[in-house]
Amino acid sequence: MSNEQKTPAEIYREERKERIAKASKKSAKKALRAPNAANISRVISIILVVVIALGACWGILDYTGVIQRTVSVANAGGDRVSIAEYNYYYMQSFNQIYQTASYYESNYASSYGSGVGKQYTGFDYTKTPDAQEFPSSMQTEAMAVTALDGGTATWADYFRVAALNMAAQVNHFYNEAVKAGVTLSEDDNKEIEENLTTMRETATKYNYSLNRYLTIQCGDGVNEHLYKELMTHQQLAAAYYEKLQNDQSAAVSEEQIIAKYNEDTTVYDSIDVRLFSISYKDAAEATEATESDTTAKTTTLPTSEQALKTANEMLAKVTTSEAFNALAATYATEDAKSNYESEDGSFIRNATKSKLSGMTEEGKNWLFSTERKAGDKTVIKDETNSSIYVFLMVTPVHRNETLPVSVRHILFNYPSTTDDDGNTVKATAEEKAATRKKAEDMLASFLTNPSEAAFSTLATDNTEDTGSKETGGLYENFYPGEMVYSFDAWSFDPARKAGDTAVIESPYGAHIMYFVGTGTEASWHSTIKASLGETAFNSLIETTSAEINKAIKSTDWLVNRRADSLNRYIKTGIYASKTTA
């Protein structure tokens, strides 16, 4: 059949068969040929170049932290947690615990004995995290700490879990803050910038760029941009956290407060009392101590009979509150006499039963008896603490209706030096007088054009009280017992009115005082409201935290790998000189 007689479809099929046949013959010829070595080498070279290029790119990305900031180790409620973020929170968790334990050990071991840092935090800062067990008493329902091998959990396990939880918590509360329209204050932003400045100065000091120093301190992938972003998130989360706390307190009703008070009035009622204590050792203990201690320091303590005799002798001479403190200074041991140079030495103000929790039941029963009246006095023996107490009731048990006050002050510290043995040498009478005159001169100058705003500026520029310098010397809404005696006595004088000024003295130095005003919420009322608000807040946070932690979906192998790497870094890196396994 000719093409003219065939249909177009038939012609197309025949032509297609011919093309396939020709292609098959061509492929068969090629298959019989030997491989070309040059072509193979060219292909291998191209592959190697690509692999090397990819490896170099990966190395650059890894070194610069791009990978750590891009790859996620977990997702919590829709928020991803990058490797870099995980590193940041891991190192922050470690540093917080380490520095706190170290601080308490350095500052309080001399008073409370070695190990006070661990006693306070549960963490032994002389050991690496993986070399010490995580205390079971610190386990919580919201965050269970378990060992990867199913064995005993260590502090390294805690940091592994805490880093994820902290990241999830911060992200959650940050998002809630944004939704609620919470913004950072000027002070918050200032704090962030000051933190960055400190980091930059420290990096320069040790010849690092800021980004490299942040990597060393906070982990791979943390650069200036991410560090500032995470600090901002934490600050905003903390601001929202505070808002929640205030909201819970504000939601407490008057009915709840009254009902709580009536449940047990003795929990919230308070007293003002003078107290002097004499420590003792029984004769047998004193003898034993003398034989085992060549310095025989414990023999300076009297026996219980001697202490009781001294206490009764002092009690007989007590006539007034002021006389009590003077007698306490007389009967105190030489090394304790300085404690009674001010009225604070023996005066306990606005004390509730919880504030005197260490007192014997006999002592508390006497102090909080409704039969007590001002001027009552007694001696009570405390065998548990090996002490004899002398009491003088100043204000019997009552519901404290005292209103809070707000005061500004400017403090000029008394000068002090140390002798060759490192003991503090107190200011002389002449030095104290000179300090007072300095305060009086400044007050006189201020009174030529007085105003609270002017006093605030003066305080910021001149006060030596670091606790109130940034707030213009302001202490706001405080109650009796929160300040030193002379400060309290002036502030809570019933005749005090806004704008009053004076110069007073305390054990710290001379204070220029400025009375701002009186608050509206009585002490007992404020205490109960704060307690109920805190209970509600803690319950809310516990529930919310548990929900946040349950929502965490992590890539476990990657989390474990990062945690292991960070733990090794703590052991062998910049903390090697601080910790020993």
Protein backbone atom coordinates (compact mmCIF):
# COMPACT_ATOMS: atom_id res chain seq x y z
CA MET A 1 0.00 0.00 0.00
CA SER A 2 1.39 3.37 -0.97
CA ASN A 3 1.50 6.34 1.29
CA GLU A 4 -1.22 7.92 -0.76
CA GLN A 5 -3.54 5.07 0.21
CA LYS A 6 -2.63 5.11 3.93
CA THR A 7 -4.29 7.21 6.55
CA PRO A 8 -2.22 9.92 8.35
CA ALA A 9 -2.37 7.85 11.55
CA GLU A 10 -0.92 4.79 9.82
CA ILE A 11 1.87 6.82 8.26
CA TYR A 12 2.75 8.34 11.73
CA ARG A 13 2.91 4.87 13.40
CA GLU A 14 5.24 3.48 10.70
CA GLU A 15 7.60 6.48 10.92
CA ARG A 16 7.68 6.13 14.73
CA LYS A 17 8.66 2.42 14.43
CA GLU A 18 11.53 3.34 12.09
CA ARG A 19 12.83 6.00 14.56
CA ILE A 20 12.74 3.55 17.47
CA ALA A 21 14.55 0.88 15.43
CA LYS A 22 17.32 3.29 14.43
CA ALA A 23 17.71 4.48 18.05
CA SER A 24 17.98 0.87 19.27
CA LYS A 25 20.79 0.07 16.78
CA LYS A 26 22.66 3.22 17.84
CA SER A 27 22.38 2.33 21.54
CA ALA A 28 23.58 -1.19 20.89
CA LYS A 29 26.74 0.08 19.16
CA LYS A 30 27.47 2.42 22.08
CA ALA A 31 27.03 -0.40 24.57
CA LEU A 32 29.75 -2.41 22.80
CA ARG A 33 32.26 0.46 23.09
CA ALA A 34 34.75 0.63 26.10
CA PRO A 35 34.04 3.42 28.66
CA ASN A 36 35.95 6.64 28.03
CA ALA A 37 38.34 7.22 31.03
CA ALA A 38 38.54 10.94 30.37
CA ASN A 39 34.78 11.27 30.58
CA ILE A 40 34.66 9.33 33.87
CA SER A 41 37.41 11.51 35.39
CA ARG A 42 35.58 14.61 34.27
CA VAL A 43 32.38 13.46 35.95
CA ILE A 44 34.16 12.49 39.19
CA SER A 45 35.97 15.82 39.27
CA ILE A 46 32.69 17.67 38.91
CA ILE A 47 31.14 15.63 41.72
CA LEU A 48 34.12 16.27 44.01
CA VAL A 49 34.05 19.99 43.31
CA VAL A 50 30.35 20.11 44.16
CA VAL A 51 30.86 18.11 47.37
CA ILE A 52 33.79 20.28 48.47
CA ALA A 53 31.83 23.43 47.65
CA LEU A 54 28.85 22.19 49.62
CA GLY A 55 31.10 21.23 52.54
CA ALA A 56 32.76 24.64 52.51
CA CYS A 57 29.38 26.36 52.41
CA TRP A 58 28.13 24.20 55.28
CA GLY A 59 31.27 24.97 57.29
CA ILE A 60 30.84 28.69 56.73
CA LEU A 61 27.18 28.54 57.62
CA ASP A 62 27.98 26.50 60.74
CA TYR A 63 30.81 28.79 61.86
CA THR A 64 28.77 31.95 61.35
CA GLY A 65 25.81 30.43 63.21
CA VAL A 66 23.38 30.52 60.30
CA ILE A 67 22.60 26.82 60.69
CA GLN A 68 22.08 27.13 64.44
CA ARG A 69 19.69 30.04 63.93
CA THR A 70 17.84 28.26 61.13
CA VAL A 71 17.50 24.65 62.27
CA SER A 72 14.86 23.98 64.94
CA VAL A 73 15.18 21.59 67.86
CA ALA A 74 11.57 21.94 68.95
CA ASN A 75 8.18 23.49 68.37
CA ALA A 76 6.03 24.76 71.21
CA GLY A 77 2.52 25.96 70.49
CA GLY A 78 3.46 27.01 66.98
CA ASP A 79 6.71 28.72 67.98
CA ARG A 80 9.89 27.11 66.76
CA VAL A 81 12.94 26.91 69.02
CA SER A 82 16.18 27.11 67.06
CA ILE A 83 19.46 25.48 68.06
CA ALA A 84 20.84 28.93 68.89
CA GLU A 85 17.87 29.74 71.14
CA TYR A 86 18.25 26.41 72.89
CA ASN A 87 21.96 27.12 73.43
CA TYR A 88 21.11 30.55 74.86
CA TYR A 89 18.59 29.26 77.39
CA TYR A 90 20.77 26.30 78.36
CA MET A 91 23.72 28.53 79.16
CA GLN A 92 21.47 31.04 80.91
CA SER A 93 20.00 28.30 83.11
CA PHE A 94 23.47 27.08 84.00
CA ASN A 95 24.87 30.54 84.69
CA GLN A 96 21.95 31.50 86.93
CA ILE A 97 22.35 28.42 89.13
CA TYR A 98 26.15 28.48 89.12
CA GLN A 99 26.46 32.18 89.95
CA THR A 100 23.80 32.05 92.68
CA ALA A 101 25.43 29.07 94.39
CA SER A 102 28.85 30.68 94.06
CA TYR A 103 27.56 34.00 95.45
CA TYR A 104 26.06 32.45 98.57
CA GLU A 105 29.14 30.35 99.18
CA SER A 106 31.45 33.33 98.81
CA ASN A 107 29.41 35.70 100.96
CA TYR A 108 27.85 33.50 103.64
CA ALA A 109 30.12 30.48 104.15
CA SER A 110 32.02 32.33 106.87
CA SER A 111 28.78 32.77 108.82
CA TYR A 112 26.85 29.60 108.02
CA GLY A 113 29.60 27.15 107.12
CA SER A 114 30.89 25.56 103.95
CA GLY A 115 28.22 24.30 101.57
CA VAL A 116 25.72 27.13 102.09
CA GLY A 117 25.62 27.69 98.32
CA LYS A 118 24.47 24.12 97.72
CA GLN A 119 22.11 24.30 100.68
CA TYR A 120 20.39 27.32 99.15
CA THR A 121 20.30 26.19 95.49
CA GLY A 122 20.75 22.41 95.57
CA PHE A 123 23.72 22.84 93.21
CA ASP A 124 27.37 22.24 94.14
CA TYR A 125 29.25 24.78 92.05
CA THR A 126 32.56 22.94 92.59
CA LYS A 127 31.29 20.00 90.50
CA THR A 128 30.21 19.77 86.90
CA PRO A 129 26.48 19.35 86.27
CA ASP A 130 26.76 15.73 85.13
CA ALA A 131 28.72 14.78 88.25
CA GLN A 132 25.96 15.58 90.75
CA GLU A 133 22.47 14.26 91.29
CA PHE A 134 19.51 16.56 90.73
CA PRO A 135 17.63 16.81 94.08
CA SER A 136 14.34 14.91 94.02
CA SER A 137 12.88 17.62 96.26
CA MET A 138 13.21 20.07 93.36
CA GLN A 139 11.21 17.97 90.92
CA THR A 140 7.93 19.59 89.89
CA GLU A 141 4.79 18.37 88.19
CA ALA A 142 5.14 21.00 85.48
CA MET A 143 8.72 20.01 84.64
CA ALA A 144 9.84 16.45 85.33
CA VAL A 145 13.60 15.93 85.06
CA THR A 146 14.60 12.41 83.96
CA ALA A 147 17.87 10.80 82.92
CA LEU A 148 18.25 9.72 79.29
CA ASP A 149 19.48 6.28 80.35
CA GLY A 150 16.64 5.82 82.82
CA GLY A 151 19.02 6.13 85.77
CA THR A 152 19.39 8.90 88.34
CA ALA A 153 18.80 12.38 86.97
CA THR A 154 21.71 14.83 87.22
CA TRP A 155 21.92 18.60 86.98
CA ALA A 156 22.98 18.14 83.35
CA ASP A 157 19.59 16.50 82.78
CA TYR A 158 17.95 19.47 84.48
CA PHE A 159 19.64 22.01 82.20
CA ARG A 160 18.73 19.87 79.15
CA VAL A 161 15.04 20.00 80.10
CA ALA A 162 15.03 23.52 81.57
CA ALA A 163 16.40 25.11 78.40
CA LEU A 164 13.48 23.84 76.32
CA ASN A 165 10.93 24.74 78.95
CA MET A 166 12.37 28.21 79.44
CA ALA A 167 12.32 28.88 75.70
CA ALA A 168 8.70 27.69 75.46
CA GLN A 169 7.62 29.73 78.50
CA VAL A 170 9.26 32.92 77.27
CA ASN A 171 7.80 32.53 73.77
CA HIS A 172 4.32 31.92 75.18
CA PHE A 173 4.28 34.89 77.56
CA TYR A 174 5.94 37.11 74.96
CA ASN A 175 3.15 36.32 72.47
CA GLU A 176 0.52 36.95 75.14
CA ALA A 177 2.17 40.28 75.97
CA VAL A 178 2.02 41.35 72.33
CA LYS A 179 -1.66 40.37 72.14
CA ALA A 180 -2.42 42.30 75.33
CA GLY A 181 -0.62 45.40 74.06
CA VAL A 182 2.04 45.27 76.77
CA THR A 183 5.14 47.29 75.86
CA LEU A 184 8.56 47.72 77.40
CA SER A 185 9.19 50.70 79.62
CA GLU A 186 11.99 53.18 79.03
CA ASP A 187 13.90 51.53 81.90
CA ASP A 188 13.46 48.08 80.32
CA ASN A 189 14.90 49.27 76.99
CA LYS A 190 17.68 51.06 78.83
CA GLU A 191 18.54 47.85 80.68
CA ILE A 192 18.79 45.92 77.41
CA GLU A 193 21.11 48.52 75.87
CA GLU A 194 23.26 48.66 79.01
CA ASN A 195 23.57 44.87 78.94
CA LEU A 196 24.73 44.97 75.33
CA THR A 197 27.19 47.75 76.13
CA THR A 198 28.65 45.71 78.99
CA MET A 199 28.98 42.68 76.71
CA ARG A 200 30.67 44.79 74.03
CA GLU A 201 33.13 46.30 76.50
CA THR A 202 33.99 42.89 77.97
CA ALA A 203 34.47 41.43 74.48
CA THR A 204 36.84 44.26 73.59
CA LYS A 205 38.74 43.77 76.83
CA TYR A 206 39.50 40.15 75.88
CA ASN A 207 40.15 40.94 72.20
CA TYR A 208 36.97 39.36 70.86
CA SER A 209 34.38 40.71 68.49
CA LEU A 210 30.99 41.04 70.15
CA ASN A 211 29.49 38.18 68.10
CA ARG A 212 32.37 35.85 68.92
CA TYR A 213 32.14 36.70 72.62
CA LEU A 214 28.39 36.07 72.62
CA THR A 215 29.02 32.67 71.05
CA ILE A 216 31.47 31.83 73.84
CA GLN A 217 29.12 32.99 76.58
CA CYS A 218 25.75 31.92 75.18
CA GLY A 219 26.45 29.13 72.71
CA ASP A 220 26.82 28.64 68.96
CA GLY A 221 24.61 30.77 66.77
CA VAL A 222 23.99 33.57 69.26
CA ASN A 223 24.97 36.87 67.68
CA GLU A 224 24.18 40.48 68.61
CA HIS A 225 20.88 40.52 66.74
CA LEU A 226 19.58 37.29 68.28
CA TYR A 227 20.91 38.18 71.75
CA LYS A 228 19.05 41.50 71.71
CA GLU A 229 15.92 39.82 70.34
CA LEU A 230 15.91 37.16 73.07
CA MET A 231 16.56 39.72 75.81
CA THR A 232 13.65 41.78 74.47
CA HIS A 233 11.40 38.72 74.46
CA GLN A 234 12.38 37.91 78.04
CA GLN A 235 11.79 41.48 79.23
CA LEU A 236 8.37 41.64 77.59
CA ALA A 237 7.44 38.19 78.91
CA ALA A 238 8.45 39.34 82.40
CA ALA A 239 6.33 42.49 82.00
CA TYR A 240 3.31 40.37 81.07
CA TYR A 241 4.09 38.03 83.96
CA GLU A 242 3.96 41.03 86.30
CA LYS A 243 0.68 42.15 84.71
CA LEU A 244 -0.84 38.73 85.41
CA GLN A 245 0.32 38.97 89.02
CA ASN A 246 -1.22 42.42 89.43
CA ASP A 247 -4.44 41.28 87.76
CA GLN A 248 -4.77 38.35 90.15
CA SER A 249 -4.21 40.62 93.14
CA ALA A 250 -6.70 43.19 91.85
CA ALA A 251 -9.32 40.46 91.39
CA VAL A 252 -9.29 39.61 95.11
CA SER A 253 -12.59 40.80 96.61
CA GLU A 254 -13.20 42.46 99.96
CA GLU A 255 -15.38 39.50 100.93
CA GLN A 256 -12.48 37.11 100.31
CA ILE A 257 -10.15 39.25 102.44
CA ILE A 258 -12.55 39.44 105.40
CA ALA A 259 -13.31 35.72 105.18
CA LYS A 260 -9.60 34.88 105.14
CA TYR A 261 -8.94 37.07 108.17
CA ASN A 262 -11.80 35.52 110.12
CA GLU A 263 -10.54 31.99 109.41
CA ASP A 264 -7.75 32.59 111.91
CA THR A 265 -7.12 36.11 113.15
CA THR A 266 -3.94 35.06 114.98
CA VAL A 267 -2.21 34.47 111.65
CA TYR A 268 -2.49 38.14 110.69
CA ASP A 269 -2.58 39.98 114.01
CA SER A 270 0.74 41.46 115.09
CA ILE A 271 2.68 42.79 118.07
CA ASP A 272 5.54 45.18 118.83
CA VAL A 273 7.97 43.74 121.36
CA ARG A 274 11.43 44.25 122.86
CA LEU A 275 13.58 41.12 122.91
CA PHE A 276 16.98 40.31 124.38
CA SER A 277 18.48 36.82 124.24
CA ILE A 278 21.32 35.18 126.17
CA SER A 279 22.84 32.03 124.69
CA TYR A 280 24.05 29.36 127.08
CA LYS A 281 25.66 25.95 127.31
CA ASP A 282 25.04 23.43 130.05
CA ALA A 283 27.96 22.72 132.38
CA ALA A 284 28.59 19.28 130.87
CA GLU A 285 28.76 20.72 127.35
CA ALA A 286 31.05 23.55 128.43
CA THR A 287 33.43 21.09 130.09
CA GLU A 288 33.45 18.83 127.04
CA ALA A 289 34.10 21.78 124.74
CA THR A 290 36.95 22.99 126.94
CA GLU A 291 38.66 19.59 126.77
CA SER A 292 38.33 19.28 122.98
CA ASP A 293 38.96 22.91 122.01
CA THR A 294 42.29 24.38 123.05
CA THR A 295 41.03 27.89 122.32
CA ALA A 296 38.08 27.25 124.67
CA LYS A 297 35.97 29.91 122.94
CA THR A 298 32.76 28.15 124.01
CA THR A 299 33.62 28.65 127.70
CA THR A 300 32.65 32.33 127.29
CA LEU A 301 29.05 31.18 127.18
CA PRO A 302 27.35 30.91 130.59
CA THR A 303 25.53 27.84 131.81
CA SER A 304 21.73 27.88 131.65
CA GLU A 305 21.56 28.69 135.38
CA GLN A 306 23.93 31.64 134.99
CA ALA A 307 22.07 32.91 131.90
CA LEU A 308 18.74 32.66 133.72
CA LYS A 309 20.11 34.60 136.68
CA THR A 310 21.41 37.37 134.37
CA ALA A 311 18.10 37.53 132.49
CA ASN A 312 16.09 37.93 135.71
CA GLU A 313 18.50 40.57 136.93
CA MET A 314 17.99 42.56 133.74
CA LEU A 315 14.21 42.04 133.84
CA ALA A 316 14.00 43.57 137.28
CA LYS A 317 15.62 46.76 135.98
CA VAL A 318 13.41 47.12 132.89
CA THR A 319 10.96 50.03 133.26
CA THR A 320 10.45 51.49 129.77
CA SER A 321 11.00 50.55 126.15
CA GLU A 322 13.95 52.94 125.89
CA ALA A 323 15.50 51.60 129.10
CA PHE A 324 15.24 48.05 127.74
CA ASN A 325 17.59 48.77 124.85
CA ALA A 326 20.14 50.47 127.10
CA LEU A 327 20.08 47.49 129.48
CA ALA A 328 20.48 45.10 126.54
CA ALA A 329 23.67 46.91 125.56
CA THR A 330 24.89 46.60 129.16
CA TYR A 331 24.22 42.87 129.48
CA ALA A 332 25.30 41.90 125.97
CA THR A 333 28.65 40.16 125.41
CA GLU A 334 31.46 42.42 124.24
CA ASP A 335 31.23 41.31 120.62
CA ALA A 336 27.45 41.92 120.58
CA LYS A 337 27.27 45.31 122.34
CA SER A 338 27.42 47.19 119.05
CA ASN A 339 24.13 45.55 118.01
CA TYR A 340 22.33 47.71 120.55
CA GLU A 341 23.80 51.05 119.57
CA SER A 342 20.53 51.77 117.78
CA GLU A 343 16.95 51.03 118.86
CA ASP A 344 16.75 48.32 116.21
CA GLY A 345 18.93 46.06 118.31
CA SER A 346 16.09 44.91 120.53
CA PHE A 347 12.90 46.17 118.88
CA ILE A 348 10.75 43.86 116.75
CA ARG A 349 7.92 45.76 115.05
CA ASN A 350 4.77 44.55 113.33
CA ALA A 351 5.66 40.94 114.14
CA THR A 352 3.22 38.15 113.29
CA LYS A 353 3.47 34.55 114.49
CA SER A 354 5.03 33.56 111.18
CA LYS A 355 7.73 36.20 111.63
CA LEU A 356 8.54 34.62 115.02
CA SER A 357 8.29 31.04 113.73
CA GLY A 358 11.56 30.08 115.41
CA MET A 359 10.22 31.03 118.82
CA THR A 360 9.15 28.34 121.31
CA GLU A 361 5.43 27.64 121.69
CA GLU A 362 5.65 28.94 125.25
CA GLY A 363 7.12 32.17 123.97
CA LYS A 364 4.53 32.62 121.21
CA ASN A 365 1.67 31.81 123.58
CA TRP A 366 2.85 34.51 126.00
CA LEU A 367 3.47 37.08 123.28
CA PHE A 368 0.17 36.62 121.44
CA SER A 369 -2.07 36.14 124.45
CA THR A 370 -5.07 38.47 124.45
CA GLU A 371 -4.33 39.05 128.14
CA ARG A 372 -1.08 40.87 127.35
CA LYS A 373 -0.88 44.61 127.86
CA ALA A 374 1.79 47.20 127.19
CA GLY A 375 4.56 47.03 129.76
CA ASP A 376 4.20 43.30 130.53
CA LYS A 377 7.56 41.59 130.80
CA THR A 378 8.87 38.07 131.35
CA VAL A 379 11.78 35.66 130.99
CA ILE A 380 11.38 32.44 128.96
CA LYS A 381 13.82 29.58 128.46
CA ASP A 382 14.24 28.07 125.00
CA GLU A 383 15.94 24.69 125.40
CA THR A 384 15.80 23.94 121.66
CA ASN A 385 17.96 26.93 120.81
CA SER A 386 19.86 27.01 124.12
CA SER A 387 18.75 30.57 124.83
CA ILE A 388 17.09 32.62 127.55
CA TYR A 389 14.75 35.39 126.31
CA VAL A 390 13.82 38.61 128.06
CA PHE A 391 10.59 40.13 126.71
CA LEU A 392 8.93 43.53 127.12
CA MET A 393 5.56 43.98 125.45
CA VAL A 394 5.33 47.36 123.68
CA THR A 395 2.09 46.95 121.69
CA PRO A 396 -0.08 43.89 122.51
CA VAL A 397 -1.61 41.69 119.81
CA HIS A 398 -3.84 43.71 117.49
CA ARG A 399 -5.07 43.95 113.93
CA ASN A 400 -2.56 46.31 112.39
CA GLU A 401 -4.49 49.21 110.88
CA THR A 402 -1.35 51.22 110.16
CA LEU A 403 -1.40 52.79 106.70
CA PRO A 404 1.69 52.71 104.47
CA VAL A 405 3.76 55.79 103.78
CA SER A 406 5.98 56.97 100.96
CA VAL A 407 9.20 58.83 101.68
CA ARG A 408 12.17 60.17 99.74
CA HIS A 409 15.57 60.42 101.36
CA ILE A 410 19.19 61.27 100.66
CA LEU A 411 21.75 59.17 102.52
CA PHE A 412 25.28 60.22 103.39
CA ASN A 413 27.10 57.16 104.74
CA TYR A 414 29.32 57.46 107.79
CA PRO A 415 32.94 56.97 106.74
CA SER A 416 34.48 53.64 107.69
CA THR A 417 37.85 52.00 107.27
CA THR A 418 39.45 48.65 108.05
CA ASP A 419 42.38 47.94 110.32
CA ASP A 420 45.38 45.73 109.54
CA ASP A 421 43.39 42.64 110.50
CA GLY A 422 40.54 43.50 108.12
CA ASN A 423 38.14 44.55 110.89
CA THR A 424 35.82 47.48 110.24
CA VAL A 425 36.76 50.65 112.08
CA LYS A 426 33.61 52.64 112.78
CA ALA A 427 33.26 56.35 112.30
CA THR A 428 34.32 58.60 115.17
CA ALA A 429 31.97 61.09 116.81
CA GLU A 430 33.69 63.87 114.88
CA GLU A 431 33.22 62.05 111.57
CA LYS A 432 29.53 61.43 112.35
CA ALA A 433 29.07 65.12 113.21
CA ALA A 434 30.71 66.15 109.95
CA THR A 435 28.42 63.78 108.01
CA ARG A 436 25.36 65.23 109.71
CA LYS A 437 26.46 68.80 108.97
CA LYS A 438 26.86 67.90 105.30
CA ALA A 439 23.24 66.69 105.28
CA GLU A 440 22.00 69.76 107.18
CA ASP A 441 23.75 72.13 104.78
CA MET A 442 22.20 70.41 101.76
CA LEU A 443 18.74 70.49 103.37
CA ALA A 444 19.09 74.21 104.12
CA SER A 445 19.97 74.87 100.49
CA PHE A 446 17.03 72.74 99.30
CA LEU A 447 14.55 74.59 101.51
CA THR A 448 15.20 77.86 99.67
CA ASN A 449 13.06 76.51 96.82
CA PRO A 450 11.53 73.19 97.94
CA SER A 451 9.51 70.76 95.82
CA GLU A 452 9.28 67.01 95.52
CA ALA A 453 10.63 67.12 91.97
CA ALA A 454 13.65 69.14 93.12
CA PHE A 455 14.27 66.71 95.99
CA SER A 456 14.05 63.75 93.60
CA THR A 457 16.73 65.27 91.36
CA LEU A 458 18.88 66.11 94.38
CA ALA A 459 18.60 62.52 95.62
CA THR A 460 19.51 60.99 92.27
CA ASP A 461 22.58 63.21 92.07
CA ASN A 462 23.79 62.87 95.67
CA THR A 463 22.41 59.91 97.65
CA GLU A 464 24.72 57.07 98.60
CA ASP A 465 21.83 54.64 98.93
CA THR A 466 22.12 52.47 95.81
CA GLY A 467 18.70 50.96 96.48
CA SER A 468 16.84 54.21 95.81
CA LYS A 469 19.25 56.29 93.74
CA GLU A 470 17.53 55.55 90.42
CA THR A 471 14.08 56.43 91.84
CA GLY A 472 15.03 59.80 93.30
CA GLY A 473 15.45 58.42 96.81
CA LEU A 474 11.89 57.05 96.86
CA TYR A 475 10.64 54.26 99.13
CA GLU A 476 6.98 53.78 98.34
CA ASN A 477 4.14 52.31 100.41
CA PHE A 478 6.16 50.65 103.16
CA TYR A 479 4.87 49.56 106.57
CA PRO A 480 6.39 49.67 110.07
CA GLY A 481 9.24 47.24 110.56
CA GLU A 482 10.55 47.43 107.00
CA MET A 483 13.08 50.23 107.68
CA VAL A 484 15.57 50.92 110.44
CA TYR A 485 14.11 52.23 113.69
CA SER A 486 14.90 55.94 113.31
CA PHE A 487 13.68 55.94 109.70
CA ASP A 488 10.42 54.28 110.77
CA ALA A 489 9.97 56.51 113.82
CA TRP A 490 10.17 59.68 111.72
CA SER A 491 8.10 58.32 108.82
CA PHE A 492 5.23 57.01 110.97
CA ASP A 493 4.95 59.96 113.33
CA PRO A 494 1.17 60.68 113.46
CA ALA A 495 1.88 64.37 112.94
CA ARG A 496 3.72 63.77 109.66
CA LYS A 497 2.35 65.56 106.57
CA ALA A 498 3.33 65.85 102.92
CA GLY A 499 6.37 68.05 102.35
CA ASP A 500 7.84 67.58 105.84
CA THR A 501 11.65 67.45 105.93
CA ALA A 502 14.32 66.68 108.51
CA VAL A 503 17.79 65.25 109.03
CA ILE A 504 17.90 62.01 111.02
CA GLU A 505 20.64 59.53 111.78
CA SER A 506 20.72 55.75 111.56
CA PRO A 507 23.46 53.13 111.88
CA TYR A 508 24.23 53.80 108.20
CA GLY A 509 24.68 57.55 108.31
CA ALA A 510 22.76 60.82 108.03
CA HIS A 511 19.49 60.94 106.08
CA ILE A 512 17.77 64.00 104.61
CA MET A 513 14.09 63.04 104.80
CA TYR A 514 11.19 64.22 102.62
CA PHE A 515 7.67 62.96 103.39
CA VAL A 516 5.65 62.23 100.25
CA GLY A 517 2.37 61.01 101.67
CA THR A 518 0.25 58.30 103.31
CA GLY A 519 -1.34 55.35 101.53
CA THR A 520 -4.83 53.94 101.94
CA GLU A 521 -4.55 50.19 102.58
CA ALA A 522 -4.05 48.97 106.15
CA SER A 523 -1.19 46.57 106.85
CA TRP A 524 -3.32 43.51 107.70
CA HIS A 525 -5.53 44.09 104.66
CA SER A 526 -2.54 44.43 102.33
CA THR A 527 -0.96 41.26 103.72
CA ILE A 528 -4.06 39.12 103.13
CA LYS A 529 -4.77 40.60 99.70
CA ALA A 530 -1.19 39.95 98.61
CA SER A 531 -1.36 36.40 99.97
CA LEU A 532 -4.63 35.55 98.18
CA GLY A 533 -3.42 37.18 94.97
CA GLU A 534 -0.16 35.26 95.10
CA THR A 535 -1.96 31.96 95.68
CA ALA A 536 -4.23 32.57 92.68
CA PHE A 537 -1.29 33.68 90.55
CA ASN A 538 0.83 30.66 91.44
CA SER A 539 -2.05 28.34 90.61
CA LEU A 540 -2.53 30.04 87.25
CA ILE A 541 1.16 29.90 86.39
CA GLU A 542 1.46 26.26 87.45
CA THR A 543 -1.45 25.25 85.23
CA THR A 544 -0.28 27.39 82.30
CA SER A 545 3.31 26.16 82.57
CA ALA A 546 2.21 22.53 82.58
CA GLU A 547 0.14 23.13 79.44
CA ILE A 548 3.01 24.92 77.70
CA ASN A 549 5.48 22.16 78.52
CA LYS A 550 3.10 19.43 77.35
CA ALA A 551 2.76 21.21 74.01
CA ILE A 552 6.51 21.03 73.32
CA LYS A 553 7.29 18.79 70.34
CA SER A 554 11.04 18.30 70.24
CA THR A 555 13.49 16.53 67.97
CA ASP A 556 14.91 14.48 70.82
CA TRP A 557 18.11 13.28 69.16
CA LEU A 558 19.04 16.86 68.26
CA VAL A 559 18.16 18.20 71.70
CA ASN A 560 20.20 15.46 73.38
CA ARG A 561 23.12 16.09 71.04
CA ARG A 562 23.09 19.82 71.79
CA ALA A 563 22.75 19.26 75.53
CA ASP A 564 25.65 16.82 75.51
CA SER A 565 27.78 19.28 73.53
CA LEU A 566 26.98 22.15 75.91
CA ASN A 567 27.70 19.99 78.96
CA ARG A 568 31.12 19.10 77.50
CA TYR A 569 31.69 22.78 76.81
CA ILE A 570 30.97 23.63 80.45
CA LYS A 571 33.41 20.94 81.58
CA THR A 572 36.27 21.69 79.22
CA GLY A 573 35.65 25.22 77.96
CA ILE A 574 35.75 28.56 79.68
CA TYR A 575 34.40 27.07 82.94
CA ALA A 576 37.22 24.55 83.28
CA SER A 577 38.97 26.78 85.82
CA LYS A 578 35.77 27.13 87.84
CA THR A 579 34.44 23.57 88.01
CA THR A 580 36.02 20.23 88.83
CA ALA A 581 34.33 16.94 88.15
